[in-house]
Every structure is written in C-alpha cells, then in structure tokens.
C-alpha cells in the first residue's frame, strides 16, 4: 500500500520508481585494496589446515611475513608421514 502511494506521489512529480537488482562488486584488482592500505607486515595463520588462507593472503600482501601454525591433526599427520 505504501509503495503504491509513494510511487504515485513520485510519478506526479515526474519521477519513475522501479526496482533494480544490482549487486556492487569491485574490480578484482581493487577487491582487497583496503587490506593493502592497512600496511600489514605480519600475518599469523593459526590452525592452518592446508595453507589456502596463507596462499590467498600472500597474493594480497606479497611483502608480508606469513607465519603458519598447523593444527594438531595436521602436525601429527606430518610427523607420522616423516616416519
């Protein structure tokens, strides 16, 4: 009801009201600019599983030092595989 009233008022003033399905997405190169602007120099990846986060953050912050701490399961798997 209110939408119809608002639409009629706007139309009377010469405006057109319509829904637009638009999702803002920045360009890929600018997507993480805000993180780069923070001047982060060290990243701690605590509980790392396979290193996906470390790889992604390295692509965003190539100059940062990334310290990875594997979770317990991964440590035991690594130590047992070294036999």
N, C-alpha and C. Protein backbone atom coordinates (compact mmCIF):
# COMPACT_ATOMS: atom_id res chain seq x y z
N UNK A 1 0.82 -1.20 0.00
CA UNK A 1 0.00 0.00 0.00
C UNK A 1 0.87 1.26 0.00
N UNK A 2 1.86 1.31 0.92
CA UNK A 2 2.72 2.49 1.00
C UNK A 2 3.55 2.65 -0.28
N UNK A 3 3.96 1.52 -0.86
CA UNK A 3 4.75 1.58 -2.09
C UNK A 3 3.94 2.24 -3.20
N UNK A 4 2.68 1.85 -3.29
CA UNK A 4 1.81 2.42 -4.34
C UNK A 4 1.63 3.91 -4.13
N UNK A 5 1.45 4.34 -2.88
CA UNK A 5 1.27 5.75 -2.58
C UNK A 5 2.54 6.52 -2.92
N UNK A 6 3.69 5.98 -2.48
CA UNK A 6 4.96 6.65 -2.77
C UNK A 6 5.19 6.72 -4.27
N UNK A 7 4.87 5.64 -4.97
CA UNK A 7 5.07 5.61 -6.42
C UNK A 7 4.19 6.65 -7.11
N UNK A 8 2.94 6.78 -6.67
CA UNK A 8 2.02 7.76 -7.28
C UNK A 8 2.51 9.19 -7.03
N UNK A 9 2.98 9.45 -5.81
CA UNK A 9 3.48 10.80 -5.49
C UNK A 9 4.69 11.12 -6.35
N UNK A 10 5.62 10.17 -6.44
CA UNK A 10 6.82 10.39 -7.26
C UNK A 10 6.49 10.56 -8.73
N UNK A 11 5.55 9.77 -9.23
CA UNK A 11 5.14 9.90 -10.63
C UNK A 11 4.51 11.26 -10.89
N UNK A 12 3.74 11.76 -9.92
CA UNK A 12 3.12 13.08 -10.07
C UNK A 12 4.18 14.18 -10.14
N UNK A 13 5.35 13.93 -9.51
CA UNK A 13 6.43 14.91 -9.54
C UNK A 13 7.37 14.69 -10.72
N UNK A 14 7.08 13.68 -11.56
CA UNK A 14 7.89 13.45 -12.74
C UNK A 14 8.98 12.41 -12.57
N UNK A 15 8.94 11.67 -11.46
CA UNK A 15 9.94 10.62 -11.23
C UNK A 15 9.36 9.25 -11.52
N UNK A 16 10.23 8.33 -11.80
CA UNK A 16 9.83 6.93 -12.01
C UNK A 16 10.53 6.09 -10.94
N UNK A 17 9.75 5.30 -10.23
CA UNK A 17 10.30 4.44 -9.19
C UNK A 17 10.28 3.01 -9.69
N UNK A 18 11.44 2.38 -9.72
CA UNK A 18 11.50 0.98 -10.13
C UNK A 18 12.63 0.28 -9.42
N UNK A 19 12.47 -1.01 -9.23
CA UNK A 19 13.46 -1.83 -8.55
C UNK A 19 14.56 -2.22 -9.54
N UNK A 20 15.77 -2.13 -9.06
CA UNK A 20 16.92 -2.54 -9.86
C UNK A 20 17.68 -3.58 -9.06
N UNK A 21 17.87 -4.74 -9.65
CA UNK A 21 18.66 -5.78 -8.99
C UNK A 21 20.11 -5.62 -9.42
N UNK A 22 20.85 -4.92 -8.59
CA UNK A 22 22.26 -4.66 -8.90
C UNK A 22 23.07 -4.93 -7.66
N UNK A 23 24.07 -5.76 -7.80
CA UNK A 23 24.96 -6.07 -6.69
C UNK A 23 26.31 -5.45 -6.99
N UNK A 24 26.75 -4.58 -6.10
CA UNK A 24 28.04 -3.92 -6.29
C UNK A 24 29.17 -4.92 -6.05
N UNK A 25 30.05 -5.03 -7.01
CA UNK A 25 31.26 -5.84 -6.84
C UNK A 25 32.42 -5.05 -7.42
N UNK A 26 33.41 -4.76 -6.58
CA UNK A 26 34.56 -4.01 -7.09
C UNK A 26 35.35 -4.83 -8.10
N UNK A 27 36.17 -4.14 -8.87
CA UNK A 27 37.05 -4.84 -9.80
C UNK A 27 37.97 -5.75 -9.00
N UNK A 28 38.34 -6.86 -9.59
CA UNK A 28 39.15 -7.86 -8.88
C UNK A 28 40.43 -7.25 -8.29
N UNK A 29 41.08 -6.37 -9.05
CA UNK A 29 42.34 -5.78 -8.57
C UNK A 29 42.12 -4.86 -7.37
N UNK A 30 40.92 -4.30 -7.23
CA UNK A 30 40.62 -3.38 -6.13
C UNK A 30 39.91 -4.05 -4.96
N UNK A 31 39.60 -5.33 -5.10
CA UNK A 31 38.78 -6.03 -4.12
C UNK A 31 39.38 -6.00 -2.71
N UNK A 32 40.68 -6.14 -2.58
CA UNK A 32 41.31 -6.17 -1.27
C UNK A 32 42.22 -4.97 -1.03
N UNK A 33 41.96 -3.88 -1.75
CA UNK A 33 42.77 -2.67 -1.59
C UNK A 33 42.75 -2.20 -0.14
N UNK A 34 41.62 -2.30 0.50
CA UNK A 34 41.52 -1.84 1.89
C UNK A 34 42.46 -2.60 2.81
N UNK A 35 42.71 -3.87 2.51
CA UNK A 35 43.65 -4.65 3.33
C UNK A 35 45.08 -4.17 3.06
N UNK A 36 45.39 -3.95 1.79
CA UNK A 36 46.74 -3.46 1.45
C UNK A 36 47.01 -2.10 2.07
N UNK A 37 45.98 -1.26 2.15
CA UNK A 37 46.14 0.08 2.72
C UNK A 37 46.41 0.06 4.22
N UNK A 38 46.19 -1.06 4.90
CA UNK A 38 46.43 -1.15 6.34
C UNK A 38 47.91 -1.32 6.68
N UNK A 39 48.74 -1.55 5.67
CA UNK A 39 50.18 -1.72 5.84
C UNK A 39 50.50 -2.86 6.83
N UNK A 40 49.85 -3.99 6.62
CA UNK A 40 50.07 -5.17 7.46
C UNK A 40 51.40 -5.80 7.05
N UNK A 41 52.24 -6.08 8.03
CA UNK A 41 53.56 -6.63 7.74
C UNK A 41 53.71 -8.08 8.16
N UNK A 42 52.87 -8.53 9.10
CA UNK A 42 52.95 -9.91 9.58
C UNK A 42 51.54 -10.48 9.68
N UNK A 43 51.36 -11.70 9.18
CA UNK A 43 50.07 -12.39 9.24
C UNK A 43 50.29 -13.71 9.95
N UNK A 44 49.46 -13.99 10.95
CA UNK A 44 49.51 -15.27 11.66
C UNK A 44 48.36 -16.13 11.16
N UNK A 45 48.67 -17.27 10.60
CA UNK A 45 47.64 -18.23 10.16
C UNK A 45 47.62 -19.33 11.20
N UNK A 46 46.79 -19.15 12.23
CA UNK A 46 46.74 -20.09 13.36
C UNK A 46 45.72 -21.17 13.05
N UNK A 47 46.13 -22.42 13.21
CA UNK A 47 45.24 -23.53 12.92
C UNK A 47 45.13 -23.81 11.45
N UNK A 48 46.19 -23.52 10.74
CA UNK A 48 46.19 -23.72 9.29
C UNK A 48 45.90 -25.18 8.95
N UNK A 49 45.14 -25.37 7.92
CA UNK A 49 44.80 -26.73 7.50
C UNK A 49 45.72 -27.15 6.37
N UNK A 50 45.52 -26.57 5.21
CA UNK A 50 46.39 -26.93 4.08
C UNK A 50 47.08 -25.71 3.47
N UNK A 51 46.87 -24.55 4.08
CA UNK A 51 47.57 -23.36 3.61
C UNK A 51 46.83 -22.52 2.59
N UNK A 52 45.54 -22.77 2.40
CA UNK A 52 44.79 -21.97 1.41
C UNK A 52 44.79 -20.49 1.79
N UNK A 53 44.52 -20.20 3.09
CA UNK A 53 44.48 -18.81 3.52
C UNK A 53 45.85 -18.15 3.34
N UNK A 54 46.91 -18.85 3.72
CA UNK A 54 48.26 -18.29 3.58
C UNK A 54 48.55 -17.95 2.12
N UNK A 55 48.14 -18.81 1.21
CA UNK A 55 48.37 -18.56 -0.22
C UNK A 55 47.57 -17.34 -0.69
N UNK A 56 46.32 -17.24 -0.25
CA UNK A 56 45.48 -16.10 -0.66
C UNK A 56 46.01 -14.79 -0.10
N UNK A 57 46.37 -14.80 1.19
CA UNK A 57 46.85 -13.55 1.79
C UNK A 57 48.20 -13.16 1.22
N UNK A 58 49.01 -14.14 0.82
CA UNK A 58 50.30 -13.82 0.18
C UNK A 58 50.07 -13.12 -1.16
N UNK A 59 49.04 -13.53 -1.89
CA UNK A 59 48.73 -12.87 -3.16
C UNK A 59 48.29 -11.42 -2.93
N UNK A 60 47.63 -11.17 -1.80
CA UNK A 60 47.15 -9.83 -1.49
C UNK A 60 48.26 -8.98 -0.87
N UNK A 61 49.04 -9.59 0.02
CA UNK A 61 50.11 -8.89 0.74
C UNK A 61 51.45 -9.59 0.48
N UNK A 62 52.00 -9.47 -0.71
CA UNK A 62 53.21 -10.22 -1.04
C UNK A 62 54.43 -9.85 -0.20
N UNK A 63 54.44 -8.66 0.39
CA UNK A 63 55.59 -8.23 1.20
C UNK A 63 55.48 -8.67 2.66
N UNK A 64 54.32 -9.15 3.08
CA UNK A 64 54.11 -9.51 4.49
C UNK A 64 54.77 -10.85 4.82
N UNK A 65 55.21 -10.96 6.07
CA UNK A 65 55.71 -12.23 6.58
C UNK A 65 54.50 -13.03 7.03
N UNK A 66 54.40 -14.28 6.60
CA UNK A 66 53.26 -15.12 6.97
C UNK A 66 53.77 -16.26 7.84
N UNK A 67 53.25 -16.33 9.05
CA UNK A 67 53.63 -17.37 10.00
C UNK A 67 52.47 -18.36 10.09
N UNK A 68 52.77 -19.62 9.81
CA UNK A 68 51.73 -20.64 9.77
C UNK A 68 51.90 -21.57 10.97
N UNK A 69 50.81 -21.78 11.70
CA UNK A 69 50.81 -22.76 12.78
C UNK A 69 49.76 -23.80 12.42
N UNK A 70 50.23 -25.00 12.13
CA UNK A 70 49.31 -26.07 11.76
C UNK A 70 48.51 -26.53 12.96
N UNK A 71 47.30 -27.03 12.70
CA UNK A 71 46.50 -27.55 13.82
C UNK A 71 47.07 -28.89 14.26
N UNK A 72 46.62 -29.38 15.41
CA UNK A 72 47.19 -30.61 15.98
C UNK A 72 47.10 -31.79 15.03
N UNK A 73 45.97 -31.94 14.37
CA UNK A 73 45.79 -33.07 13.46
C UNK A 73 46.83 -33.02 12.35
N UNK A 74 47.02 -31.85 11.79
CA UNK A 74 47.99 -31.72 10.70
C UNK A 74 49.41 -32.00 11.19
N UNK A 75 49.74 -31.55 12.41
CA UNK A 75 51.09 -31.81 12.93
C UNK A 75 51.32 -33.30 13.10
N UNK A 76 50.31 -34.00 13.64
CA UNK A 76 50.51 -35.42 13.85
C UNK A 76 50.60 -36.16 12.51
N UNK A 77 49.83 -35.69 11.54
CA UNK A 77 49.90 -36.32 10.22
C UNK A 77 51.27 -36.09 9.60
N UNK A 78 51.78 -34.88 9.72
CA UNK A 78 53.09 -34.57 9.14
C UNK A 78 54.18 -35.37 9.85
N UNK A 79 54.13 -35.41 11.20
CA UNK A 79 55.19 -36.14 11.91
C UNK A 79 55.13 -37.63 11.64
N UNK A 80 53.91 -38.20 11.51
CA UNK A 80 53.83 -39.63 11.24
C UNK A 80 54.23 -39.96 9.81
N UNK A 81 54.03 -39.01 8.87
CA UNK A 81 54.40 -39.30 7.48
C UNK A 81 55.91 -39.24 7.30
N UNK A 82 56.59 -38.55 8.20
CA UNK A 82 58.06 -38.49 8.12
C UNK A 82 58.67 -39.75 8.71
N UNK A 83 57.86 -40.47 9.47
CA UNK A 83 58.18 -41.77 9.98
C UNK A 83 59.35 -41.93 10.81
